[in-house]
Amino acid sequence: MTPPTTAATNSPAPFTIGIEAAAYELPGERQDLNDWAQHHKLPAERFDMIRNAGCRYFHVSPDIDEVELAKRAVARLQEEQGFKGSDIGAVIHVHTGLFSVPPAPRSLPMEVATAFGIKPVWAGSIAQLNCSSISVAIQMAKALMNVHSQLHSVLIVSSDRVFIERFRVLQASILSDGAGCLLVTRNSRRNRVGATAVRNYGSWYLGSVTNNAVKKEMFNLEWHYTRKVMKEAVADCGMALSDFSCILPYNSNHSGWKAFCGAMAIPSSTLYSDNILNKGHSFGSDLAINLADIGLSKVDAGAHLMNITESDNGSFSALTLHPVN
């Protein structure tokens, strides 16, 4: 990789970006919903709802904070990819939970940068779009490269924990503590990001946890808005939905995804849903987890891939990833 510089240009040469590598950290032994529900006296109706949604296993981090989780994910990426600190030109941090950050004046992206010898042109966080913030981070990586002509590699780090156990089961999800990271590069020889459609519906800003009226509306409309961002991404990259042979969902609500794919005539083999059962929903880290487990290898083999996010504050996104050729 070429080391970054701070040089800026007003007329950058045309370029694409790709996701060169992905890694993640899910702490400790995986937990079982059956045991957790008994321990926390989860009502039978709620338990059945979560189980019927295809959720069971998840990870909990009571003793490892979000900064350490992020460092462990980046360490895995470095071990697999072999990058040096001088290779990375920017660090973008993504989180969903308001408390998934160290208290000021500490900074998670700067602590990660320092730990790995990174001297970034830019470092900061994106949070207000919750799980969809990961798609905005990828857009921002390209924007930074557009400004800094010699910036070739951006590290995107996501990290979240559940701080109140009764919120670990949410809607049709079971939430996992964990972290993920992506290495986004200019003109990647491995793949290219095609389209990134992001839509935010501000009327849902209160979220589904605290407002029952909002919760009902979201349940009624979430698949409608998921379909809209998918169709927008498909149109933006000039392809048909049937051209995508790998769809990565947010790791929640398998039964809902199954019904949705049936309605959209998407083959069941196209949806990668194993991690909904096996790893739970790890907020903005789902993309890194699913890419590391299967997505990148699918694109390496020639598949066109689409990743979907949905957040309980009304943010939706669809991102496409394609073979270089």
C-alpha atoms as a PDB file:
ATOM      1  CA  MET A   1       0.000   0.000   0.000  1.00  0.00           C
ATOM      2  CA  THR A   2       1.062   3.584  -0.647  1.00  0.00           C
ATOM      3  CA  PRO A   3       1.393   5.715   2.503  1.00  0.00           C
ATOM      4  CA  PRO A   4      -1.137   8.559   2.732  1.00  0.00           C
ATOM      5  CA  THR A   5      -0.282  12.196   2.603  1.00  0.00           C
ATOM      6  CA  THR A   6      -2.212  15.321   3.476  1.00  0.00           C
ATOM      7  CA  ALA A   7      -1.934  16.731  -0.033  1.00  0.00           C
ATOM      8  CA  ALA A   8      -5.281  17.852  -1.409  1.00  0.00           C
ATOM      9  CA  THR A   9      -6.353  18.376  -4.989  1.00  0.00           C
ATOM     10  CA  ASN A  10      -9.256  20.115  -6.651  1.00  0.00           C
ATOM     11  CA  SER A  11      -9.195  17.838  -9.701  1.00  0.00           C
ATOM     12  CA  PRO A  12      -8.735  14.238  -8.566  1.00  0.00           C
ATOM     13  CA  ALA A  13      -8.400  11.515 -11.166  1.00  0.00           C
ATOM     14  CA  PRO A  14     -11.474   9.262 -11.429  1.00  0.00           C
ATOM     15  CA  PHE A  15     -11.284   6.345  -9.020  1.00  0.00           C
ATOM     16  CA  THR A  16     -13.337   3.635  -7.388  1.00  0.00           C
ATOM     17  CA  ILE A  17     -13.179   2.231  -3.882  1.00  0.00           C
ATOM     18  CA  GLY A  18     -13.350  -1.342  -2.678  1.00  0.00           C
ATOM     19  CA  ILE A  19     -13.431  -3.264   0.582  1.00  0.00           C
ATOM     20  CA  GLU A  20     -10.057  -4.929   0.672  1.00  0.00           C
ATOM     21  CA  ALA A  21     -10.591  -6.858   3.912  1.00  0.00           C
ATOM     22  CA  ALA A  22     -12.910  -7.264   6.908  1.00  0.00           C
ATOM     23  CA  ALA A  23     -12.481  -8.649  10.415  1.00  0.00           C
ATOM     24  CA  TYR A  24     -14.404  -8.738  13.678  1.00  0.00           C
ATOM     25  CA  GLU A  25     -14.319  -9.553  17.369  1.00  0.00           C
ATOM     26  CA  LEU A  26     -17.190 -11.271  19.181  1.00  0.00           C
ATOM     27  CA  PRO A  27     -16.122 -11.678  22.813  1.00  0.00           C
ATOM     28  CA  GLY A  28     -16.191 -14.777  24.972  1.00  0.00           C
ATOM     29  CA  GLU A  29     -18.196 -17.954  24.527  1.00  0.00           C
ATOM     30  CA  ARG A  30     -21.418 -17.549  22.621  1.00  0.00           C
ATOM     31  CA  GLN A  31     -24.526 -17.372  24.781  1.00  0.00           C
ATOM     32  CA  ASP A  32     -27.794 -19.250  24.283  1.00  0.00           C
ATOM     33  CA  LEU A  33     -31.140 -17.447  24.247  1.00  0.00           C
ATOM     34  CA  ASN A  34     -32.747 -20.342  26.117  1.00  0.00           C
ATOM     35  CA  ASP A  35     -30.435 -19.874  29.106  1.00  0.00           C
ATOM     36  CA  TRP A  36     -30.547 -16.074  28.981  1.00  0.00           C
ATOM     37  CA  ALA A  37     -34.358 -16.015  28.883  1.00  0.00           C
ATOM     38  CA  GLN A  38     -34.622 -18.184  31.994  1.00  0.00           C
ATOM     39  CA  HIS A  39     -32.042 -16.156  33.895  1.00  0.00           C
ATOM     40  CA  HIS A  40     -33.643 -12.810  33.045  1.00  0.00           C
ATOM     41  CA  LYS A  41     -37.235 -14.076  33.315  1.00  0.00           C
ATOM     42  CA  LEU A  42     -38.123 -13.119  29.766  1.00  0.00           C
ATOM     43  CA  PRO A  43     -41.906 -13.452  29.257  1.00  0.00           C
ATOM     44  CA  ALA A  44     -42.840 -16.567  27.299  1.00  0.00           C
ATOM     45  CA  GLU A  45     -44.542 -14.520  24.585  1.00  0.00           C
ATOM     46  CA  ARG A  46     -41.379 -12.458  24.022  1.00  0.00           C
ATOM     47  CA  PHE A  47     -39.203 -15.553  24.066  1.00  0.00           C
ATOM     48  CA  ASP A  48     -41.358 -17.258  21.441  1.00  0.00           C
ATOM     49  CA  MET A  49     -41.290 -14.141  19.264  1.00  0.00           C
ATOM     50  CA  ILE A  50     -37.483 -13.953  19.284  1.00  0.00           C
ATOM     51  CA  ARG A  51     -37.026 -17.682  18.796  1.00  0.00           C
ATOM     52  CA  ASN A  52     -39.557 -17.800  15.941  1.00  0.00           C
ATOM     53  CA  ALA A  53     -37.671 -14.935  14.291  1.00  0.00           C
ATOM     54  CA  GLY A  54     -34.704 -17.307  13.937  1.00  0.00           C
ATOM     55  CA  CYS A  55     -32.523 -15.891  16.718  1.00  0.00           C
ATOM     56  CA  ARG A  56     -30.710 -17.965  19.332  1.00  0.00           C
ATOM     57  CA  TYR A  57     -26.981 -17.355  19.873  1.00  0.00           C
ATOM     58  CA  PHE A  58     -25.179 -14.134  20.767  1.00  0.00           C
ATOM     59  CA  HIS A  59     -22.107 -12.720  22.545  1.00  0.00           C
ATOM     60  CA  VAL A  60     -21.806 -10.644  25.712  1.00  0.00           C
ATOM     61  CA  SER A  61     -18.938  -8.417  26.819  1.00  0.00           C
ATOM     62  CA  PRO A  62     -19.371  -7.486  30.493  1.00  0.00           C
ATOM     63  CA  ASP A  63     -15.651  -6.972  31.152  1.00  0.00           C
ATOM     64  CA  ILE A  64     -14.211  -5.834  27.811  1.00  0.00           C
ATOM     65  CA  ASP A  65     -14.988  -2.256  26.824  1.00  0.00           C
ATOM     66  CA  GLU A  66     -15.768  -0.999  23.346  1.00  0.00           C
ATOM     67  CA  VAL A  67     -12.268   0.404  22.798  1.00  0.00           C
ATOM     68  CA  GLU A  68     -10.636  -2.948  23.526  1.00  0.00           C
ATOM     69  CA  LEU A  69     -13.180  -4.732  21.322  1.00  0.00           C
ATOM     70  CA  ALA A  70     -12.316  -2.359  18.481  1.00  0.00           C
ATOM     71  CA  LYS A  71      -8.574  -2.887  18.979  1.00  0.00           C
ATOM     72  CA  ARG A  72      -9.019  -6.659  18.905  1.00  0.00           C
ATOM     73  CA  ALA A  73     -10.958  -6.465  15.650  1.00  0.00           C
ATOM     74  CA  VAL A  74      -8.264  -4.269  14.068  1.00  0.00           C
ATOM     75  CA  ALA A  75      -5.543  -6.616  15.355  1.00  0.00           C
ATOM     76  CA  ARG A  76      -7.267  -9.500  13.572  1.00  0.00           C
ATOM     77  CA  LEU A  77      -7.429  -7.454  10.398  1.00  0.00           C
ATOM     78  CA  GLN A  78      -3.757  -6.554  10.661  1.00  0.00           C
ATOM     79  CA  GLU A  79      -2.793 -10.176  11.268  1.00  0.00           C
ATOM     80  CA  GLU A  80      -4.717 -11.282   8.184  1.00  0.00           C
ATOM     81  CA  GLN A  81      -3.928  -8.320   5.924  1.00  0.00           C
ATOM     82  CA  GLY A  82      -0.481  -7.269   7.107  1.00  0.00           C
ATOM     83  CA  PHE A  83      -0.995  -3.525   6.817  1.00  0.00           C
ATOM     84  CA  LYS A  84       1.284  -1.030   8.554  1.00  0.00           C
ATOM     85  CA  GLY A  85       0.133   2.029  10.446  1.00  0.00           C
ATOM     86  CA  SER A  86       1.652   4.258   7.771  1.00  0.00           C
ATOM     87  CA  ASP A  87      -0.629   2.626   5.184  1.00  0.00           C
ATOM     88  CA  ILE A  88      -3.788   4.038   6.772  1.00  0.00           C
ATOM     89  CA  GLY A  89      -4.760   7.619   5.977  1.00  0.00           C
ATOM     90  CA  ALA A  90      -8.011   8.000   7.933  1.00  0.00           C
ATOM     91  CA  VAL A  91      -9.936   6.289  10.721  1.00  0.00           C
ATOM     92  CA  ILE A  92     -13.744   6.403  10.745  1.00  0.00           C
ATOM     93  CA  HIS A  93     -15.527   5.113  13.824  1.00  0.00           C
ATOM     94  CA  VAL A  94     -19.147   3.904  13.737  1.00  0.00           C
ATOM     95  CA  HIS A  95     -21.406   3.146  16.679  1.00  0.00           C
ATOM     96  CA  THR A  96     -25.113   2.780  17.453  1.00  0.00           C
ATOM     97  CA  GLY A  97     -25.404   2.931  21.238  1.00  0.00           C
ATOM     98  CA  LEU A  98     -25.011   6.382  22.762  1.00  0.00           C
ATOM     99  CA  PHE A  99     -22.881   4.858  25.513  1.00  0.00           C
ATOM    100  CA  SER A 100     -20.692   2.728  23.224  1.00  0.00           C
ATOM    101  CA  VAL A 101     -17.916   5.297  23.463  1.00  0.00           C
ATOM    102  CA  PRO A 102     -15.377   6.137  26.169  1.00  0.00           C
ATOM    103  CA  PRO A 103     -16.107   9.317  28.145  1.00  0.00           C
ATOM    104  CA  ALA A 104     -14.562  12.602  27.024  1.00  0.00           C
ATOM    105  CA  PRO A 105     -11.831  13.605  26.525  1.00  0.00           C
ATOM    106  CA  ARG A 106     -11.008  10.100  25.304  1.00  0.00           C
ATOM    107  CA  SER A 107     -11.565   9.260  21.627  1.00  0.00           C
ATOM    108  CA  LEU A 108     -12.056   5.715  20.372  1.00  0.00           C
ATOM    109  CA  PRO A 109     -10.797   6.378  16.808  1.00  0.00           C
ATOM    110  CA  MET A 110      -7.703   8.168  18.100  1.00  0.00           C
ATOM    111  CA  GLU A 111      -6.972   5.451  20.651  1.00  0.00           C
ATOM    112  CA  VAL A 112      -7.197   2.858  17.872  1.00  0.00           C
ATOM    113  CA  ALA A 113      -4.973   5.001  15.645  1.00  0.00           C
ATOM    114  CA  THR A 114      -2.358   5.379  18.391  1.00  0.00           C
ATOM    115  CA  ALA A 115      -2.388   1.666  19.206  1.00  0.00           C
ATOM    116  CA  PHE A 116      -1.542   0.759  15.598  1.00  0.00           C
ATOM    117  CA  GLY A 117       0.828   3.605  14.756  1.00  0.00           C
ATOM    118  CA  ILE A 118      -1.668   5.375  12.483  1.00  0.00           C
ATOM    119  CA  LYS A 119      -1.293   9.123  11.929  1.00  0.00           C
ATOM    120  CA  PRO A 120      -4.567   9.907  10.191  1.00  0.00           C
ATOM    121  CA  VAL A 121      -5.390  12.845   7.970  1.00  0.00           C
ATOM    122  CA  TRP A 122      -8.875  12.633   9.480  1.00  0.00           C
ATOM    123  CA  ALA A 123     -10.365  10.703  12.388  1.00  0.00           C
ATOM    124  CA  GLY A 124     -13.885  10.902  13.756  1.00  0.00           C
ATOM    125  CA  SER A 125     -17.178   9.149  14.439  1.00  0.00           C
ATOM    126  CA  ILE A 126     -20.533   8.616  12.749  1.00  0.00           C
ATOM    127  CA  ALA A 127     -23.398   7.557  14.967  1.00  0.00           C
ATOM    128  CA  GLN A 128     -26.758   9.185  14.426  1.00  0.00           C
ATOM    129  CA  LEU A 129     -27.908   6.784  11.700  1.00  0.00           C
ATOM    130  CA  ASN A 130     -27.331   3.845  14.057  1.00  0.00           C
ATOM    131  CA  CYS A 131     -26.702   0.597  12.146  1.00  0.00           C
ATOM    132  CA  SER A 132     -26.912   2.429   8.808  1.00  0.00           C
ATOM    133  CA  SER A 133     -23.969   4.604   9.840  1.00  0.00           C
ATOM    134  CA  ILE A 134     -21.661   1.935   8.393  1.00  0.00           C
ATOM    135  CA  SER A 135     -22.889   2.735   4.870  1.00  0.00           C
ATOM    136  CA  VAL A 136     -22.351   6.451   5.439  1.00  0.00           C
ATOM    137  CA  ALA A 137     -18.826   5.699   6.689  1.00  0.00           C
ATOM    138  CA  ILE A 138     -18.053   4.008   3.373  1.00  0.00           C
ATOM    139  CA  GLN A 139     -19.413   7.033   1.520  1.00  0.00           C
ATOM    140  CA  MET A 140     -17.251   9.256   3.698  1.00  0.00           C
ATOM    141  CA  ALA A 141     -14.166   7.160   2.963  1.00  0.00           C
ATOM    142  CA  LYS A 142     -14.590   7.938  -0.716  1.00  0.00           C
ATOM    143  CA  ALA A 143     -15.247  11.621   0.011  1.00  0.00           C
ATOM    144  CA  LEU A 144     -11.999  11.849   1.988  1.00  0.00           C
ATOM    145  CA  MET A 145     -10.087  10.178  -0.839  1.00  0.00           C
ATOM    146  CA  ASN A 146     -11.643  12.660  -3.231  1.00  0.00           C
ATOM    147  CA  VAL A 147     -10.185  15.535  -1.182  1.00  0.00           C
ATOM    148  CA  HIS A 148      -6.832  13.930  -0.359  1.00  0.00           C
ATOM    149  CA  SER A 149      -5.423  12.618  -3.613  1.00  0.00           C
ATOM    150  CA  GLN A 150      -2.758  10.432  -2.016  1.00  0.00           C
ATOM    151  CA  LEU A 151      -5.041   8.895   0.610  1.00  0.00           C
ATOM    152  CA  HIS A 152      -5.257   5.267  -0.441  1.00  0.00           C
ATOM    153  CA  SER A 153      -6.572   3.375   2.573  1.00  0.00           C
ATOM    154  CA  VAL A 154      -9.231   4.126   5.193  1.00  0.00           C
ATOM    155  CA  LEU A 155      -9.893   2.065   8.297  1.00  0.00           C
ATOM    156  CA  ILE A 156     -13.555   1.894   9.358  1.00  0.00           C
ATOM    157  CA  VAL A 157     -14.106   0.597  12.894  1.00  0.00           C
ATOM    158  CA  SER A 158     -17.448  -0.257  14.522  1.00  0.00           C
ATOM    159  CA  SER A 159     -17.982  -1.190  18.161  1.00  0.00           C
ATOM    160  CA  ASP A 160     -21.068  -1.549  20.362  1.00  0.00           C
ATOM    161  CA  ARG A 161     -22.231  -3.119  23.585  1.00  0.00           C
ATOM    162  CA  VAL A 162     -25.623  -3.527  25.260  1.00  0.00           C
ATOM    163  CA  PHE A 163     -25.535  -1.753  28.617  1.00  0.00           C
ATOM    164  CA  ILE A 164     -28.980  -2.687  29.970  1.00  0.00           C
ATOM    165  CA  GLU A 165     -29.684  -6.402  29.661  1.00  0.00           C
ATOM    166  CA  ARG A 166     -33.446  -6.063  29.287  1.00  0.00           C
ATOM    167  CA  PHE A 167     -32.761  -4.321  25.960  1.00  0.00           C
ATOM    168  CA  ARG A 168     -30.712  -7.235  24.606  1.00  0.00           C
ATOM    169  CA  VAL A 169     -33.846  -8.586  22.948  1.00  0.00           C
ATOM    170  CA  LEU A 170     -35.302  -5.927  20.693  1.00  0.00           C
ATOM    171  CA  GLN A 171     -38.179  -6.335  18.232  1.00  0.00           C
ATOM    172  CA  ALA A 172     -37.199  -9.521  16.354  1.00  0.00           C
ATOM    173  CA  SER A 173     -33.523  -9.367  17.303  1.00  0.00           C
ATOM    174  CA  ILE A 174     -31.128 -10.591  19.897  1.00  0.00           C
ATOM    175  CA  LEU A 175     -28.237  -8.158  20.247  1.00  0.00           C
ATOM    176  CA  SER A 176     -24.572  -9.139  20.366  1.00  0.00           C
ATOM    177  CA  ASP A 177     -21.729  -7.122  21.840  1.00  0.00           C
ATOM    178  CA  GLY A 178     -18.840  -6.884  19.405  1.00  0.00           C
ATOM    179  CA  ALA A 179     -16.703  -4.913  16.985  1.00  0.00           C
ATOM    180  CA  GLY A 180     -15.857  -5.016  13.319  1.00  0.00           C
ATOM    181  CA  CYS A 181     -13.531  -3.260  10.907  1.00  0.00           C
ATOM    182  CA  LEU A 182     -13.219  -2.713   7.176  1.00  0.00           C
ATOM    183  CA  LEU A 183     -10.179  -1.760   5.122  1.00  0.00           C
ATOM    184  CA  VAL A 184     -11.449   0.467   2.310  1.00  0.00           C
ATOM    185  CA  THR A 185      -8.959   1.191  -0.473  1.00  0.00           C
ATOM    186  CA  ARG A 186      -8.712   3.345  -3.557  1.00  0.00           C
ATOM    187  CA  ASN A 187      -8.947   1.384  -6.829  1.00  0.00           C
ATOM    188  CA  SER A 188      -9.005  -1.946  -5.018  1.00  0.00           C
ATOM    189  CA  ARG A 189      -7.971  -4.899  -7.137  1.00  0.00           C
ATOM    190  CA  ARG A 190     -10.253  -7.152  -5.115  1.00  0.00           C
ATOM    191  CA  ASN A 191     -13.689  -5.552  -5.622  1.00  0.00           C
ATOM    192  CA  ARG A 192     -15.446  -2.239  -6.054  1.00  0.00           C
ATOM    193  CA  VAL A 193     -18.291  -0.531  -4.227  1.00  0.00           C
ATOM    194  CA  GLY A 194     -21.036   0.174  -6.749  1.00  0.00           C
ATOM    195  CA  ALA A 195     -23.978   2.031  -5.230  1.00  0.00           C
ATOM    196  CA  THR A 196     -24.781   3.207  -1.714  1.00  0.00           C
ATOM    197  CA  ALA A 197     -28.401   4.213  -1.138  1.00  0.00           C
ATOM    198  CA  VAL A 198     -29.130   5.761   2.272  1.00  0.00           C
ATOM    199  CA  ARG A 199     -32.527   7.046   3.372  1.00  0.00           C
ATOM    200  CA  ASN A 200     -33.480   8.489   6.749  1.00  0.00           C
ATOM    201  CA  TYR A 201     -37.107   8.930   7.832  1.00  0.00           C
ATOM    202  CA  GLY A 202     -37.006  11.625  10.494  1.00  0.00           C
ATOM    203  CA  SER A 203     -40.493  10.949  11.859  1.00  0.00           C
ATOM    204  CA  TRP A 204     -39.043   7.829  13.505  1.00  0.00           C
ATOM    205  CA  TYR A 205     -36.258   9.670  15.314  1.00  0.00           C
ATOM    206  CA  LEU A 206     -37.564   8.666  18.751  1.00  0.00           C
ATOM    207  CA  GLY A 207     -36.963   5.019  17.912  1.00  0.00           C
ATOM    208  CA  SER A 208     -39.013   1.947  18.655  1.00  0.00           C
ATOM    209  CA  VAL A 209     -37.837   1.401  22.251  1.00  0.00           C
ATOM    210  CA  THR A 210     -39.580   4.356  23.838  1.00  0.00           C
ATOM    211  CA  ASN A 211     -42.572   5.024  21.602  1.00  0.00           C
ATOM    212  CA  ASN A 212     -45.258   2.402  20.949  1.00  0.00           C
ATOM    213  CA  ALA A 213     -46.899   4.376  18.147  1.00  0.00           C
ATOM    214  CA  VAL A 214     -43.566   4.638  16.342  1.00  0.00           C
ATOM    215  CA  LYS A 215     -42.940   0.929  16.924  1.00  0.00           C
ATOM    216  CA  LYS A 216     -46.250  -0.016  15.261  1.00  0.00           C
ATOM    217  CA  GLU A 217     -45.586   2.248  12.279  1.00  0.00           C
ATOM    218  CA  MET A 218     -42.090   0.822  11.841  1.00  0.00           C
ATOM    219  CA  PHE A 219     -43.311  -2.756  11.869  1.00  0.00           C
ATOM    220  CA  ASN A 220     -45.821  -1.838   9.176  1.00  0.00           C
ATOM    221  CA  LEU A 221     -43.368   0.027   6.946  1.00  0.00           C
ATOM    222  CA  GLU A 222     -39.866  -1.356   7.524  1.00  0.00           C
ATOM    223  CA  TRP A 223     -39.994  -3.843   4.644  1.00  0.00           C
ATOM    224  CA  HIS A 224     -41.496  -1.201   2.357  1.00  0.00           C
ATOM    225  CA  TYR A 225     -38.526   1.081   3.002  1.00  0.00           C
ATOM    226  CA  THR A 226     -36.086  -1.830   2.749  1.00  0.00           C
ATOM    227  CA  ARG A 227     -37.465  -2.551  -0.712  1.00  0.00           C
ATOM    228  CA  LYS A 228     -37.118   1.129  -1.671  1.00  0.00           C
ATOM    229  CA  VAL A 229     -33.404   1.367  -0.834  1.00  0.00           C
ATOM    230  CA  MET A 230     -32.732  -1.955  -2.539  1.00  0.00           C
ATOM    231  CA  LYS A 231     -34.461  -0.811  -5.725  1.00  0.00           C
ATOM    232  CA  GLU A 232     -32.604   2.504  -5.599  1.00  0.00           C
ATOM    233  CA  ALA A 233     -29.233   0.769  -5.277  1.00  0.00           C
ATOM    234  CA  VAL A 234     -30.067  -1.616  -8.112  1.00  0.00           C
ATOM    235  CA  ALA A 235     -31.032   1.294 -10.362  1.00  0.00           C
ATOM    236  CA  ASP A 236     -27.934   3.299  -9.430  1.00  0.00           C
ATOM    237  CA  CYS A 237     -25.573   0.521 -10.484  1.00  0.00           C
ATOM    238  CA  GLY A 238     -27.514  -0.284 -13.667  1.00  0.00           C
ATOM    239  CA  MET A 239     -28.301  -3.896 -12.849  1.00  0.00           C
ATOM    240  CA  ALA A 240     -31.317  -6.074 -12.127  1.00  0.00           C
ATOM    241  CA  LEU A 241     -32.053  -7.409  -8.664  1.00  0.00           C
ATOM    242  CA  SER A 242     -31.768 -10.925 -10.100  1.00  0.00           C
ATOM    243  CA  ASP A 243     -28.107 -10.183 -10.938  1.00  0.00           C
ATOM    244  CA  PHE A 244     -27.261 -10.213  -7.223  1.00  0.00           C
ATOM    245  CA  SER A 245     -26.468 -13.731  -6.056  1.00  0.00           C
ATOM    246  CA  CYS A 246     -25.486 -12.739  -2.490  1.00  0.00           C
ATOM    247  CA  ILE A 247     -27.584 -10.562  -0.189  1.00  0.00           C
ATOM    248  CA  LEU A 248     -26.261  -9.811   3.291  1.00  0.00           C
ATOM    249  CA  PRO A 249     -29.056  -8.798   5.685  1.00  0.00           C
ATOM    250  CA  TYR A 250     -28.732  -7.087   9.011  1.00  0.00           C
ATOM    251  CA  ASN A 251     -28.535 -10.068  11.347  1.00  0.00           C
ATOM    252  CA  SER A 252     -32.093  -9.965  12.638  1.00  0.00           C
ATOM    253  CA  ASN A 253     -35.538 -11.412  11.966  1.00  0.00           C
ATOM    254  CA  HIS A 254     -34.880 -14.408   9.739  1.00  0.00           C
ATOM    255  CA  SER A 255     -38.576 -15.173   9.422  1.00  0.00           C
ATOM    256  CA  GLY A 256     -39.196 -11.630   8.196  1.00  0.00           C
ATOM    257  CA  TRP A 257     -36.357 -11.849   5.688  1.00  0.00           C
ATOM    258  CA  LYS A 258     -37.649 -15.195   4.438  1.00  0.00           C
ATOM    259  CA  ALA A 259     -41.108 -13.765   3.801  1.00  0.00           C
ATOM    260  CA  PHE A 260     -39.648 -10.617   2.231  1.00  0.00           C
ATOM    261  CA  CYS A 261     -37.444 -12.577  -0.171  1.00  0.00           C
ATOM    262  CA  GLY A 262     -40.420 -14.695  -1.163  1.00  0.00           C
ATOM    263  CA  ALA A 263     -42.430 -11.577  -1.959  1.00  0.00           C
ATOM    264  CA  MET A 264     -39.527 -10.113  -3.945  1.00  0.00           C
ATOM    265  CA  ALA A 265     -38.856 -13.362  -5.846  1.00  0.00           C
ATOM    266  CA  ILE A 266     -35.368 -13.543  -4.363  1.00  0.00           C
ATOM    267  CA  PRO A 267     -34.095 -17.163  -4.220  1.00  0.00           C
ATOM    268  CA  SER A 268     -33.555 -18.427  -0.675  1.00  0.00           C
ATOM    269  CA  SER A 269     -29.980 -19.376  -1.606  1.00  0.00           C
ATOM    270  CA  THR A 270     -29.207 -15.700  -2.302  1.00  0.00           C
ATOM    271  CA  LEU A 271     -29.821 -14.587   1.293  1.00  0.00           C
ATOM    272  CA  TYR A 272     -26.989 -15.263   3.737  1.00  0.00           C
ATOM    273  CA  SER A 273     -28.903 -15.684   6.980  1.00  0.00           C
ATOM    274  CA  ASP A 274     -26.767 -18.122   9.012  1.00  0.00           C
ATOM    275  CA  ASN A 275     -25.432 -15.407  11.306  1.00  0.00           C
ATOM    276  CA  ILE A 276     -28.918 -14.359  12.420  1.00  0.00           C
ATOM    277  CA  LEU A 277     -29.062 -17.658  14.284  1.00  0.00           C
ATOM    278  CA  ASN A 278     -25.390 -18.151  15.098  1.00  0.00           C
ATOM    279  CA  LYS A 279     -24.089 -14.695  16.030  1.00  0.00           C
ATOM    280  CA  GLY A 280     -26.975 -12.322  16.631  1.00  0.00           C
ATOM    281  CA  HIS A 281     -27.291  -8.696  15.575  1.00  0.00           C
ATOM    282  CA  SER A 282     -24.082  -6.798  16.306  1.00  0.00           C
ATOM    283  CA  PHE A 283     -25.293  -3.359  15.251  1.00  0.00           C
ATOM    284  CA  GLY A 284     -23.096  -1.692  12.613  1.00  0.00           C
ATOM    285  CA  SER A 285     -20.603  -4.562  12.800  1.00  0.00           C
ATOM    286  CA  ASP A 286     -22.948  -6.945  10.947  1.00  0.00           C
ATOM    287  CA  LEU A 287     -21.435  -5.912   7.604  1.00  0.00           C
ATOM    288  CA  ALA A 288     -17.869  -6.706   8.668  1.00  0.00           C
ATOM    289  CA  ILE A 289     -18.984  -9.998  10.249  1.00  0.00           C
ATOM    290  CA  ASN A 290     -20.914 -11.143   7.192  1.00  0.00           C
ATOM    291  CA  LEU A 291     -18.235  -9.999   4.740  1.00  0.00           C
ATOM    292  CA  ALA A 292     -15.499 -11.785   6.678  1.00  0.00           C
ATOM    293  CA  ASP A 293     -17.533 -14.986   6.989  1.00  0.00           C
ATOM    294  CA  ILE A 294     -18.773 -15.262   3.411  1.00  0.00           C
ATOM    295  CA  GLY A 295     -19.329 -12.002   1.519  1.00  0.00           C
ATOM    296  CA  LEU A 296     -15.817 -11.191   0.339  1.00  0.00           C
ATOM    297  CA  SER A 297     -15.171 -14.742  -0.792  1.00  0.00           C
ATOM    298  CA  LYS A 298     -18.457 -14.680  -2.718  1.00  0.00           C
ATOM    299  CA  VAL A 299     -17.415 -11.518  -4.574  1.00  0.00           C
ATOM    300  CA  ASP A 300     -13.955 -12.993  -5.165  1.00  0.00           C
ATOM    301  CA  ALA A 301     -15.736 -15.867  -6.922  1.00  0.00           C
ATOM    302  CA  GLY A 302     -17.643 -13.465  -9.175  1.00  0.00           C
ATOM    303  CA  ALA A 303     -20.849 -12.730  -7.257  1.00  0.00           C
ATOM    304  CA  HIS A 304     -22.537  -9.343  -7.136  1.00  0.00           C
ATOM    305  CA  LEU A 305     -23.373  -8.584  -3.500  1.00  0.00           C
ATOM    306  CA  MET A 306     -25.852  -6.307  -1.733  1.00  0.00           C
ATOM    307  CA  ASN A 307     -25.774  -5.408   1.963  1.00  0.00           C
ATOM    308  CA  ILE A 308     -28.875  -4.089   3.734  1.00  0.00           C
ATOM    309  CA  THR A 309     -29.144  -2.112   6.965  1.00  0.00           C
ATOM    310  CA  GLU A 310     -32.178  -0.936   8.917  1.00  0.00           C
ATOM    311  CA  SER A 311     -32.160   1.093  12.112  1.00  0.00           C
ATOM    312  CA  ASP A 312     -34.896   1.626  14.651  1.00  0.00           C
ATOM    313  CA  ASN A 313     -34.531   5.400  14.230  1.00  0.00           C
ATOM    314  CA  GLY A 314     -35.764   5.236  10.635  1.00  0.00           C
ATOM    315  CA  SER A 315     -32.471   4.882   8.735  1.00  0.00           C
ATOM    316  CA  PHE A 316     -32.177   2.398   5.873  1.00  0.00           C
ATOM    317  CA  SER A 317     -29.367   1.642   3.446  1.00  0.00           C
ATOM    318  CA  ALA A 318     -28.385  -0.672   0.627  1.00  0.00           C
ATOM    319  CA  LEU A 319     -24.786  -1.025  -0.552  1.00  0.00           C
ATOM    320  CA  THR A 320     -23.592  -3.017  -3.559  1.00  0.00           C
ATOM    321  CA  LEU A 321     -20.199  -4.690  -3.964  1.00  0.00           C
ATOM    322  CA  HIS A 322     -18.973  -6.067  -7.273  1.00  0.00           C
ATOM    323  CA  PRO A 323     -16.073  -7.980  -8.805  1.00  0.00           C
ATOM    324  CA  VAL A 324     -13.510  -5.586 -10.246  1.00  0.00           C
ATOM    325  CA  ASN A 325     -14.189  -6.721 -13.793  1.00  0.00           C
END
